[in-house]
Amino acid sequence: MNHVGAPSESVEARVRGIVEDLLTVSVVSVDVDLVDTGLLDSLALVTIIGGMEDEFGCELPLEEFDPSDFRTITGIAAFVQRVGVAEALPSAAADA
């Protein structure tokens, strides 16, 4: 289990899918800066946070929230994994 650093590929893939679905965009790389490319603004950030909470069946701990964690897919996945929600539940798609 990764605690700090690179997130697992499965968590990264789930996060990428959520971002692409919710924002109706195609992210060319997990390391592309979503803010610099104009894909992420404050409204999109709130949308992504809600999507993460729905996907992982939890509330993200806002006391540990740092907006810089949400600049890339890798950063979002690392945050979700670091706060321990990525391992909490299987993908919502698996429940369907």
PDB file of N, CA and C in Angstrom:
ATOM      1  N   MET A   1       0.847  -1.174   0.000  1.00  0.00           N
ATOM      2  CA  MET A   1       0.000   0.000   0.000  1.00  0.00           C
ATOM      3  C   MET A   1       0.893   1.237   0.000  1.00  0.00           C
ATOM      4  N   ASN A   2       0.584   2.185  -0.859  1.00  0.00           N
ATOM      5  CA  ASN A   2       1.335   3.430  -0.924  1.00  0.00           C
ATOM      6  C   ASN A   2       0.767   4.415   0.086  1.00  0.00           C
ATOM      7  N   HIS A   3       1.617   4.996   0.911  1.00  0.00           N
ATOM      8  CA  HIS A   3       1.143   6.000   1.855  1.00  0.00           C
ATOM      9  C   HIS A   3       1.454   7.401   1.366  1.00  0.00           C
ATOM     10  N   VAL A   4       2.622   7.598   0.828  1.00  0.00           N
ATOM     11  CA  VAL A   4       3.042   8.887   0.327  1.00  0.00           C
ATOM     12  C   VAL A   4       3.731   8.640  -0.999  1.00  0.00           C
ATOM     13  N   GLY A   5       3.621   9.578  -1.898  1.00  0.00           N
ATOM     14  CA  GLY A   5       4.285   9.415  -3.177  1.00  0.00           C
ATOM     15  C   GLY A   5       3.300   9.017  -4.248  1.00  0.00           C
ATOM     16  N   ALA A   6       3.764   8.201  -5.159  1.00  0.00           N
ATOM     17  CA  ALA A   6       2.963   7.831  -6.323  1.00  0.00           C
ATOM     18  C   ALA A   6       1.759   6.984  -5.921  1.00  0.00           C
ATOM     19  N   PRO A   7       0.594   7.344  -6.448  1.00  0.00           N
ATOM     20  CA  PRO A   7      -0.600   6.544  -6.168  1.00  0.00           C
ATOM     21  C   PRO A   7      -0.593   5.268  -7.009  1.00  0.00           C
ATOM     22  N   SER A   8      -1.425   4.323  -6.638  1.00  0.00           N
ATOM     23  CA  SER A   8      -1.530   3.104  -7.435  1.00  0.00           C
ATOM     24  C   SER A   8      -2.173   3.441  -8.777  1.00  0.00           C
ATOM     25  N   GLU A   9      -1.864   2.634  -9.774  1.00  0.00           N
ATOM     26  CA  GLU A   9      -2.418   2.868 -11.107  1.00  0.00           C
ATOM     27  C   GLU A   9      -3.927   2.728 -11.114  1.00  0.00           C
ATOM     28  N   SER A  10      -4.482   1.833 -10.304  1.00  0.00           N
ATOM     29  CA  SER A  10      -5.934   1.649 -10.294  1.00  0.00           C
ATOM     30  C   SER A  10      -6.643   2.871  -9.720  1.00  0.00           C
ATOM     31  N   VAL A  11      -6.086   3.457  -8.687  1.00  0.00           N
ATOM     32  CA  VAL A  11      -6.677   4.676  -8.111  1.00  0.00           C
ATOM     33  C   VAL A  11      -6.547   5.814  -9.118  1.00  0.00           C
ATOM     34  N   GLU A  12      -5.407   5.929  -9.736  1.00  0.00           N
ATOM     35  CA  GLU A  12      -5.189   6.965 -10.741  1.00  0.00           C
ATOM     36  C   GLU A  12      -6.184   6.820 -11.895  1.00  0.00           C
ATOM     37  N   ALA A  13      -6.421   5.592 -12.333  1.00  0.00           N
ATOM     38  CA  ALA A  13      -7.364   5.345 -13.426  1.00  0.00           C
ATOM     39  C   ALA A  13      -8.781   5.723 -13.018  1.00  0.00           C
ATOM     40  N   ARG A  14      -9.177   5.403 -11.795  1.00  0.00           N
ATOM     41  CA  ARG A  14     -10.513   5.769 -11.313  1.00  0.00           C
ATOM     42  C   ARG A  14     -10.663   7.280 -11.254  1.00  0.00           C
ATOM     43  N   VAL A  15      -9.648   7.957 -10.744  1.00  0.00           N
ATOM     44  CA  VAL A  15      -9.687   9.418 -10.645  1.00  0.00           C
ATOM     45  C   VAL A  15      -9.751  10.034 -12.040  1.00  0.00           C
ATOM     46  N   ARG A  16      -8.939   9.529 -12.946  1.00  0.00           N
ATOM     47  CA  ARG A  16      -8.956  10.062 -14.312  1.00  0.00           C
ATOM     48  C   ARG A  16     -10.334   9.908 -14.942  1.00  0.00           C
ATOM     49  N   GLY A  17     -10.942   8.756 -14.756  1.00  0.00           N
ATOM     50  CA  GLY A  17     -12.287   8.525 -15.283  1.00  0.00           C
ATOM     51  C   GLY A  17     -13.305   9.492 -14.701  1.00  0.00           C
ATOM     52  N   ILE A  18     -13.215   9.735 -13.419  1.00  0.00           N
ATOM     53  CA  ILE A  18     -14.141  10.663 -12.763  1.00  0.00           C
ATOM     54  C   ILE A  18     -13.964  12.074 -13.319  1.00  0.00           C
ATOM     55  N   VAL A  19     -12.727  12.529 -13.406  1.00  0.00           N
ATOM     56  CA  VAL A  19     -12.454  13.877 -13.913  1.00  0.00           C
ATOM     57  C   VAL A  19     -12.943  14.013 -15.351  1.00  0.00           C
ATOM     58  N   GLU A  20     -12.608  13.048 -16.187  1.00  0.00           N
ATOM     59  CA  GLU A  20     -13.020  13.126 -17.585  1.00  0.00           C
ATOM     60  C   GLU A  20     -14.529  13.067 -17.738  1.00  0.00           C
ATOM     61  N   ASP A  21     -15.197  12.211 -16.964  1.00  0.00           N
ATOM     62  CA  ASP A  21     -16.656  12.103 -17.049  1.00  0.00           C
ATOM     63  C   ASP A  21     -17.355  13.360 -16.541  1.00  0.00           C
ATOM     64  N   LEU A  22     -16.948  13.831 -15.368  1.00  0.00           N
ATOM     65  CA  LEU A  22     -17.638  14.974 -14.764  1.00  0.00           C
ATOM     66  C   LEU A  22     -17.394  16.281 -15.504  1.00  0.00           C
ATOM     67  N   LEU A  23     -16.188  16.450 -16.041  1.00  0.00           N
ATOM     68  CA  LEU A  23     -15.862  17.695 -16.728  1.00  0.00           C
ATOM     69  C   LEU A  23     -16.013  17.578 -18.244  1.00  0.00           C
ATOM     70  N   THR A  24     -16.411  16.389 -18.710  1.00  0.00           N
ATOM     71  CA  THR A  24     -16.532  16.094 -20.142  1.00  0.00           C
ATOM     72  C   THR A  24     -15.322  16.600 -20.924  1.00  0.00           C
ATOM     73  N   VAL A  25     -14.157  16.135 -20.475  1.00  0.00           N
ATOM     74  CA  VAL A  25     -12.890  16.489 -21.111  1.00  0.00           C
ATOM     75  C   VAL A  25     -12.075  15.223 -21.318  1.00  0.00           C
ATOM     76  N   SER A  26     -11.034  15.350 -22.095  1.00  0.00           N
ATOM     77  CA  SER A  26     -10.052  14.289 -22.244  1.00  0.00           C
ATOM     78  C   SER A  26      -8.741  14.816 -21.682  1.00  0.00           C
ATOM     79  N   VAL A  27      -8.209  14.137 -20.700  1.00  0.00           N
ATOM     80  CA  VAL A  27      -6.956  14.545 -20.073  1.00  0.00           C
ATOM     81  C   VAL A  27      -5.840  13.752 -20.746  1.00  0.00           C
ATOM     82  N   VAL A  28      -4.917  14.452 -21.402  1.00  0.00           N
ATOM     83  CA  VAL A  28      -3.893  13.792 -22.215  1.00  0.00           C
ATOM     84  C   VAL A  28      -2.857  13.041 -21.395  1.00  0.00           C
ATOM     85  N   SER A  29      -2.668  13.454 -20.146  1.00  0.00           N
ATOM     86  CA  SER A  29      -1.670  12.816 -19.286  1.00  0.00           C
ATOM     87  C   SER A  29      -2.095  12.984 -17.837  1.00  0.00           C
ATOM     88  N   VAL A  30      -1.748  12.017 -17.002  1.00  0.00           N
ATOM     89  CA  VAL A  30      -2.088  12.118 -15.583  1.00  0.00           C
ATOM     90  C   VAL A  30      -1.287  13.209 -14.889  1.00  0.00           C
ATOM     91  N   ASP A  31      -0.243  13.698 -15.562  1.00  0.00           N
ATOM     92  CA  ASP A  31       0.595  14.744 -14.980  1.00  0.00           C
ATOM     93  C   ASP A  31       0.337  16.131 -15.558  1.00  0.00           C
ATOM     94  N   VAL A  32      -0.620  16.258 -16.463  1.00  0.00           N
ATOM     95  CA  VAL A  32      -0.923  17.572 -17.028  1.00  0.00           C
ATOM     96  C   VAL A  32      -1.539  18.454 -15.934  1.00  0.00           C
ATOM     97  N   ASP A  33      -1.144  19.723 -15.905  1.00  0.00           N
ATOM     98  CA  ASP A  33      -1.664  20.657 -14.908  1.00  0.00           C
ATOM     99  C   ASP A  33      -3.059  21.102 -15.337  1.00  0.00           C
ATOM    100  N   LEU A  34      -4.065  20.657 -14.604  1.00  0.00           N
ATOM    101  CA  LEU A  34      -5.456  20.924 -14.953  1.00  0.00           C
ATOM    102  C   LEU A  34      -5.816  22.405 -14.832  1.00  0.00           C
ATOM    103  N   VAL A  35      -5.155  23.114 -13.946  1.00  0.00           N
ATOM    104  CA  VAL A  35      -5.407  24.545 -13.772  1.00  0.00           C
ATOM    105  C   VAL A  35      -4.778  25.324 -14.924  1.00  0.00           C
ATOM    106  N   ASP A  36      -3.503  25.071 -15.183  1.00  0.00           N
ATOM    107  CA  ASP A  36      -2.798  25.797 -16.246  1.00  0.00           C
ATOM    108  C   ASP A  36      -3.430  25.583 -17.614  1.00  0.00           C
ATOM    109  N   THR A  37      -3.994  24.407 -17.844  1.00  0.00           N
ATOM    110  CA  THR A  37      -4.619  24.120 -19.138  1.00  0.00           C
ATOM    111  C   THR A  37      -6.055  24.621 -19.218  1.00  0.00           C
ATOM    112  N   GLY A  38      -6.560  25.177 -18.120  1.00  0.00           N
ATOM    113  CA  GLY A  38      -7.923  25.704 -18.120  1.00  0.00           C
ATOM    114  C   GLY A  38      -9.005  24.664 -17.924  1.00  0.00           C
ATOM    115  N   LEU A  39      -8.624  23.431 -17.623  1.00  0.00           N
ATOM    116  CA  LEU A  39      -9.612  22.374 -17.403  1.00  0.00           C
ATOM    117  C   LEU A  39     -10.239  22.435 -16.018  1.00  0.00           C
ATOM    118  N   LEU A  40      -9.546  23.078 -15.075  1.00  0.00           N
ATOM    119  CA  LEU A  40     -10.008  23.099 -13.690  1.00  0.00           C
ATOM    120  C   LEU A  40     -10.081  24.527 -13.173  1.00  0.00           C
ATOM    121  N   ASP A  41     -11.287  24.902 -12.728  1.00  0.00           N
ATOM    122  CA  ASP A  41     -11.486  26.174 -12.031  1.00  0.00           C
ATOM    123  C   ASP A  41     -12.181  25.850 -10.718  1.00  0.00           C
ATOM    124  N   SER A  42     -12.582  26.861  -9.975  1.00  0.00           N
ATOM    125  CA  SER A  42     -13.149  26.608  -8.643  1.00  0.00           C
ATOM    126  C   SER A  42     -14.436  25.788  -8.704  1.00  0.00           C
ATOM    127  N   LEU A  43     -15.282  26.033  -9.680  1.00  0.00           N
ATOM    128  CA  LEU A  43     -16.523  25.260  -9.807  1.00  0.00           C
ATOM    129  C   LEU A  43     -16.218  23.808 -10.171  1.00  0.00           C
ATOM    130  N   ALA A  44     -15.287  23.621 -11.098  1.00  0.00           N
ATOM    131  CA  ALA A  44     -14.901  22.259 -11.480  1.00  0.00           C
ATOM    132  C   ALA A  44     -14.272  21.526 -10.302  1.00  0.00           C
ATOM    133  N   LEU A  45     -13.529  22.233  -9.465  1.00  0.00           N
ATOM    134  CA  LEU A  45     -12.911  21.617  -8.290  1.00  0.00           C
ATOM    135  C   LEU A  45     -13.979  21.077  -7.345  1.00  0.00           C
ATOM    136  N   VAL A  46     -15.017  21.863  -7.102  1.00  0.00           N
ATOM    137  CA  VAL A  46     -16.117  21.412  -6.237  1.00  0.00           C
ATOM    138  C   VAL A  46     -16.802  20.193  -6.859  1.00  0.00           C
ATOM    139  N   THR A  47     -16.976  20.214  -8.168  1.00  0.00           N
ATOM    140  CA  THR A  47     -17.585  19.085  -8.873  1.00  0.00           C
ATOM    141  C   THR A  47     -16.741  17.823  -8.706  1.00  0.00           C
ATOM    142  N   ILE A  48     -15.428  17.973  -8.843  1.00  0.00           N
ATOM    143  CA  ILE A  48     -14.530  16.825  -8.704  1.00  0.00           C
ATOM    144  C   ILE A  48     -14.534  16.289  -7.274  1.00  0.00           C
ATOM    145  N   ILE A  49     -14.524  17.172  -6.304  1.00  0.00           N
ATOM    146  CA  ILE A  49     -14.569  16.724  -4.905  1.00  0.00           C
ATOM    147  C   ILE A  49     -15.831  15.909  -4.660  1.00  0.00           C
ATOM    148  N   GLY A  50     -16.965  16.406  -5.139  1.00  0.00           N
ATOM    149  CA  GLY A  50     -18.219  15.657  -5.005  1.00  0.00           C
ATOM    150  C   GLY A  50     -18.158  14.312  -5.711  1.00  0.00           C
ATOM    151  N   GLY A  51     -17.547  14.284  -6.882  1.00  0.00           N
ATOM    152  CA  GLY A  51     -17.400  13.033  -7.620  1.00  0.00           C
ATOM    153  C   GLY A  51     -16.517  12.030  -6.903  1.00  0.00           C
ATOM    154  N   MET A  52     -15.445  12.530  -6.288  1.00  0.00           N
ATOM    155  CA  MET A  52     -14.567  11.646  -5.522  1.00  0.00           C
ATOM    156  C   MET A  52     -15.320  11.056  -4.332  1.00  0.00           C
ATOM    157  N   GLU A  53     -16.085  11.893  -3.656  1.00  0.00           N
ATOM    158  CA  GLU A  53     -16.844  11.411  -2.494  1.00  0.00           C
ATOM    159  C   GLU A  53     -17.881  10.373  -2.914  1.00  0.00           C
ATOM    160  N   ASP A  54     -18.531  10.592  -4.060  1.00  0.00           N
ATOM    161  CA  ASP A  54     -19.499   9.605  -4.558  1.00  0.00           C
ATOM    162  C   ASP A  54     -18.803   8.301  -4.942  1.00  0.00           C
ATOM    163  N   GLU A  55     -17.700   8.401  -5.677  1.00  0.00           N
ATOM    164  CA  GLU A  55     -16.980   7.213  -6.152  1.00  0.00           C
ATOM    165  C   GLU A  55     -16.439   6.375  -5.007  1.00  0.00           C
ATOM    166  N   PHE A  56     -15.879   7.028  -4.001  1.00  0.00           N
ATOM    167  CA  PHE A  56     -15.232   6.300  -2.916  1.00  0.00           C
ATOM    168  C   PHE A  56     -16.127   6.131  -1.690  1.00  0.00           C
ATOM    169  N   GLY A  57     -17.368   6.646  -1.762  1.00  0.00           N
ATOM    170  CA  GLY A  57     -18.328   6.434  -0.689  1.00  0.00           C
ATOM    171  C   GLY A  57     -17.910   7.023   0.637  1.00  0.00           C
ATOM    172  N   CYS A  58     -17.417   8.254   0.612  1.00  0.00           N
ATOM    173  CA  CYS A  58     -16.903   8.872   1.824  1.00  0.00           C
ATOM    174  C   CYS A  58     -16.992  10.388   1.707  1.00  0.00           C
ATOM    175  N   GLU A  59     -16.616  11.053   2.779  1.00  0.00           N
ATOM    176  CA  GLU A  59     -16.406  12.495   2.737  1.00  0.00           C
ATOM    177  C   GLU A  59     -14.903  12.721   2.811  1.00  0.00           C
ATOM    178  N   LEU A  60     -14.374  13.490   1.877  1.00  0.00           N
ATOM    179  CA  LEU A  60     -12.945  13.788   1.928  1.00  0.00           C
ATOM    180  C   LEU A  60     -12.666  14.702   3.109  1.00  0.00           C
ATOM    181  N   PRO A  61     -11.615  14.441   3.842  1.00  0.00           N
ATOM    182  CA  PRO A  61     -11.297  15.256   5.025  1.00  0.00           C
ATOM    183  C   PRO A  61     -10.766  16.636   4.613  1.00  0.00           C
ATOM    184  N   LEU A  62     -11.625  17.633   4.693  1.00  0.00           N
ATOM    185  CA  LEU A  62     -11.258  18.971   4.236  1.00  0.00           C
ATOM    186  C   LEU A  62     -10.139  19.594   5.062  1.00  0.00           C
ATOM    187  N   GLU A  63      -9.941  19.125   6.292  1.00  0.00           N
ATOM    188  CA  GLU A  63      -8.841  19.651   7.100  1.00  0.00           C
ATOM    189  C   GLU A  63      -7.483  19.258   6.515  1.00  0.00           C
ATOM    190  N   GLU A  64      -7.465  18.238   5.660  1.00  0.00           N
ATOM    191  CA  GLU A  64      -6.221  17.813   5.012  1.00  0.00           C
ATOM    192  C   GLU A  64      -6.152  18.288   3.561  1.00  0.00           C
ATOM    193  N   PHE A  65      -7.153  19.047   3.146  1.00  0.00           N
ATOM    194  CA  PHE A  65      -7.267  19.485   1.760  1.00  0.00           C
ATOM    195  C   PHE A  65      -6.291  20.612   1.446  1.00  0.00           C
ATOM    196  N   ASP A  66      -5.584  20.463   0.343  1.00  0.00           N
ATOM    197  CA  ASP A  66      -4.700  21.501  -0.184  1.00  0.00           C
ATOM    198  C   ASP A  66      -5.010  21.597  -1.675  1.00  0.00           C
ATOM    199  N   PRO A  67      -5.470  22.763  -2.145  1.00  0.00           N
ATOM    200  CA  PRO A  67      -5.831  22.878  -3.565  1.00  0.00           C
ATOM    201  C   PRO A  67      -4.732  22.433  -4.524  1.00  0.00           C
ATOM    202  N   SER A  68      -3.474  22.544  -4.122  1.00  0.00           N
ATOM    203  CA  SER A  68      -2.394  22.110  -5.013  1.00  0.00           C
ATOM    204  C   SER A  68      -2.432  20.598  -5.254  1.00  0.00           C
ATOM    205  N   ASP A  69      -3.068  19.841  -4.349  1.00  0.00           N
ATOM    206  CA  ASP A  69      -3.220  18.398  -4.548  1.00  0.00           C
ATOM    207  C   ASP A  69      -4.109  18.092  -5.755  1.00  0.00           C
ATOM    208  N   PHE A  70      -4.913  19.059  -6.153  1.00  0.00           N
ATOM    209  CA  PHE A  70      -5.901  18.834  -7.207  1.00  0.00           C
ATOM    210  C   PHE A  70      -5.493  19.434  -8.547  1.00  0.00           C
ATOM    211  N   ARG A  71      -4.223  19.720  -8.737  1.00  0.00           N
ATOM    212  CA  ARG A  71      -3.762  20.296 -10.008  1.00  0.00           C
ATOM    213  C   ARG A  71      -3.566  19.242 -11.094  1.00  0.00           C
ATOM    214  N   THR A  72      -3.320  17.995 -10.694  1.00  0.00           N
ATOM    215  CA  THR A  72      -3.106  16.913 -11.663  1.00  0.00           C
ATOM    216  C   THR A  72      -3.892  15.679 -11.231  1.00  0.00           C
ATOM    217  N   ILE A  73      -4.112  14.786 -12.175  1.00  0.00           N
ATOM    218  CA  ILE A  73      -4.756  13.507 -11.855  1.00  0.00           C
ATOM    219  C   ILE A  73      -3.907  12.760 -10.826  1.00  0.00           C
ATOM    220  N   THR A  74      -2.599  12.747 -11.023  1.00  0.00           N
ATOM    221  CA  THR A  74      -1.704  12.075 -10.085  1.00  0.00           C
ATOM    222  C   THR A  74      -1.833  12.675  -8.691  1.00  0.00           C
ATOM    223  N   GLY A  75      -1.907  13.995  -8.600  1.00  0.00           N
ATOM    224  CA  GLY A  75      -2.049  14.665  -7.307  1.00  0.00           C
ATOM    225  C   GLY A  75      -3.352  14.320  -6.617  1.00  0.00           C
ATOM    226  N   ILE A  76      -4.435  14.300  -7.382  1.00  0.00           N
ATOM    227  CA  ILE A  76      -5.752  13.953  -6.812  1.00  0.00           C
ATOM    228  C   ILE A  76      -5.724  12.512  -6.304  1.00  0.00           C
ATOM    229  N   ALA A  77      -5.199  11.612  -7.133  1.00  0.00           N
ATOM    230  CA  ALA A  77      -5.134  10.195  -6.739  1.00  0.00           C
ATOM    231  C   ALA A  77      -4.259  10.007  -5.507  1.00  0.00           C
ATOM    232  N   ALA A  78      -3.141  10.714  -5.440  1.00  0.00           N
ATOM    233  CA  ALA A  78      -2.254  10.609  -4.277  1.00  0.00           C
ATOM    234  C   ALA A  78      -2.964  11.121  -3.024  1.00  0.00           C
ATOM    235  N   PHE A  79      -3.713  12.210  -3.137  1.00  0.00           N
ATOM    236  CA  PHE A  79      -4.462  12.742  -1.999  1.00  0.00           C
ATOM    237  C   PHE A  79      -5.500  11.723  -1.522  1.00  0.00           C
ATOM    238  N   VAL A  80      -6.277  11.198  -2.457  1.00  0.00           N
ATOM    239  CA  VAL A  80      -7.327  10.225  -2.111  1.00  0.00           C
ATOM    240  C   VAL A  80      -6.707   9.004  -1.433  1.00  0.00           C
ATOM    241  N   GLN A  81      -5.601   8.563  -1.946  1.00  0.00           N
ATOM    242  CA  GLN A  81      -4.927   7.400  -1.357  1.00  0.00           C
ATOM    243  C   GLN A  81      -4.305   7.751  -0.008  1.00  0.00           C
ATOM    244  N   ARG A  82      -3.696   8.932   0.080  1.00  0.00           N
ATOM    245  CA  ARG A  82      -3.026   9.350   1.320  1.00  0.00           C
ATOM    246  C   ARG A  82      -4.010   9.459   2.484  1.00  0.00           C
ATOM    247  N   VAL A  83      -5.207   9.960   2.218  1.00  0.00           N
ATOM    248  CA  VAL A  83      -6.177  10.107   3.304  1.00  0.00           C
ATOM    249  C   VAL A  83      -6.921   8.806   3.584  1.00  0.00           C
ATOM    250  N   GLY A  84      -6.611   7.760   2.796  1.00  0.00           N
ATOM    251  CA  GLY A  84      -7.105   6.424   3.105  1.00  0.00           C
ATOM    252  C   GLY A  84      -8.449   6.056   2.546  1.00  0.00           C
ATOM    253  N   VAL A  85      -9.039   6.899   1.709  1.00  0.00           N
ATOM    254  CA  VAL A  85     -10.359   6.548   1.205  1.00  0.00           C
ATOM    255  C   VAL A  85     -10.305   5.643  -0.021  1.00  0.00           C
ATOM    256  N   ALA A  86      -9.192   5.611  -0.730  1.00  0.00           N
ATOM    257  CA  ALA A  86      -9.094   4.792  -1.943  1.00  0.00           C
ATOM    258  C   ALA A  86      -9.205   3.312  -1.626  1.00  0.00           C
ATOM    259  N   GLU A  87      -8.727   2.899  -0.465  1.00  0.00           N
ATOM    260  CA  GLU A  87      -8.775   1.493  -0.109  1.00  0.00           C
ATOM    261  C   GLU A  87     -10.072   1.128   0.625  1.00  0.00           C
ATOM    262  N   ALA A  88     -10.863   2.138   0.957  1.00  0.00           N
ATOM    263  CA  ALA A  88     -12.043   1.897   1.799  1.00  0.00           C
ATOM    264  C   ALA A  88     -13.088   1.045   1.109  1.00  0.00           C
ATOM    265  N   LEU A  89     -13.375   1.323  -0.145  1.00  0.00           N
ATOM    266  CA  LEU A  89     -14.437   0.623  -0.836  1.00  0.00           C
ATOM    267  C   LEU A  89     -14.006   0.285  -2.258  1.00  0.00           C
ATOM    268  N   PRO A  90     -14.572  -0.787  -2.807  1.00  0.00           N
ATOM    269  CA  PRO A  90     -14.302  -1.061  -4.219  1.00  0.00           C
ATOM    270  C   PRO A  90     -14.967  -0.002  -5.078  1.00  0.00           C
ATOM    271  N   SER A  91     -14.628   0.020  -6.353  1.00  0.00           N
ATOM    272  CA  SER A  91     -15.219   0.972  -7.286  1.00  0.00           C
ATOM    273  C   SER A  91     -16.731   0.850  -7.276  1.00  0.00           C
ATOM    274  N   ALA A  92     -17.407   1.988  -7.389  1.00  0.00           N
ATOM    275  CA  ALA A  92     -18.868   1.993  -7.455  1.00  0.00           C
ATOM    276  C   ALA A  92     -19.337   1.153  -8.651  1.00  0.00           C
ATOM    277  N   ALA A  93     -18.562   1.120  -9.722  1.00  0.00           N
ATOM    278  CA  ALA A  93     -18.918   0.332 -10.896  1.00  0.00           C
ATOM    279  C   ALA A  93     -18.968  -1.150 -10.549  1.00  0.00           C
ATOM    280  N   ALA A  94     -18.168  -1.599  -9.620  1.00  0.00           N
ATOM    281  CA  ALA A  94     -18.153  -3.004  -9.226  1.00  0.00           C
ATOM    282  C   ALA A  94     -19.428  -3.379  -8.474  1.00  0.00           C
ATOM    283  N   ASP A  95     -20.086  -2.384  -7.882  1.00  0.00           N
ATOM    284  CA  ASP A  95     -21.308  -2.637  -7.129  1.00  0.00           C
ATOM    285  C   ASP A  95     -22.524  -2.742  -8.041  1.00  0.00           C
ATOM    286  N   ALA A  96     -22.405  -2.290  -9.275  1.00  0.00           N
ATOM    287  CA  ALA A  96     -23.556  -2.243 -10.186  1.00  0.00           C
ATOM    288  C   ALA A  96     -23.875  -3.602 -10.747  1.00  0.00           C
TER     289      ALA A  96
END
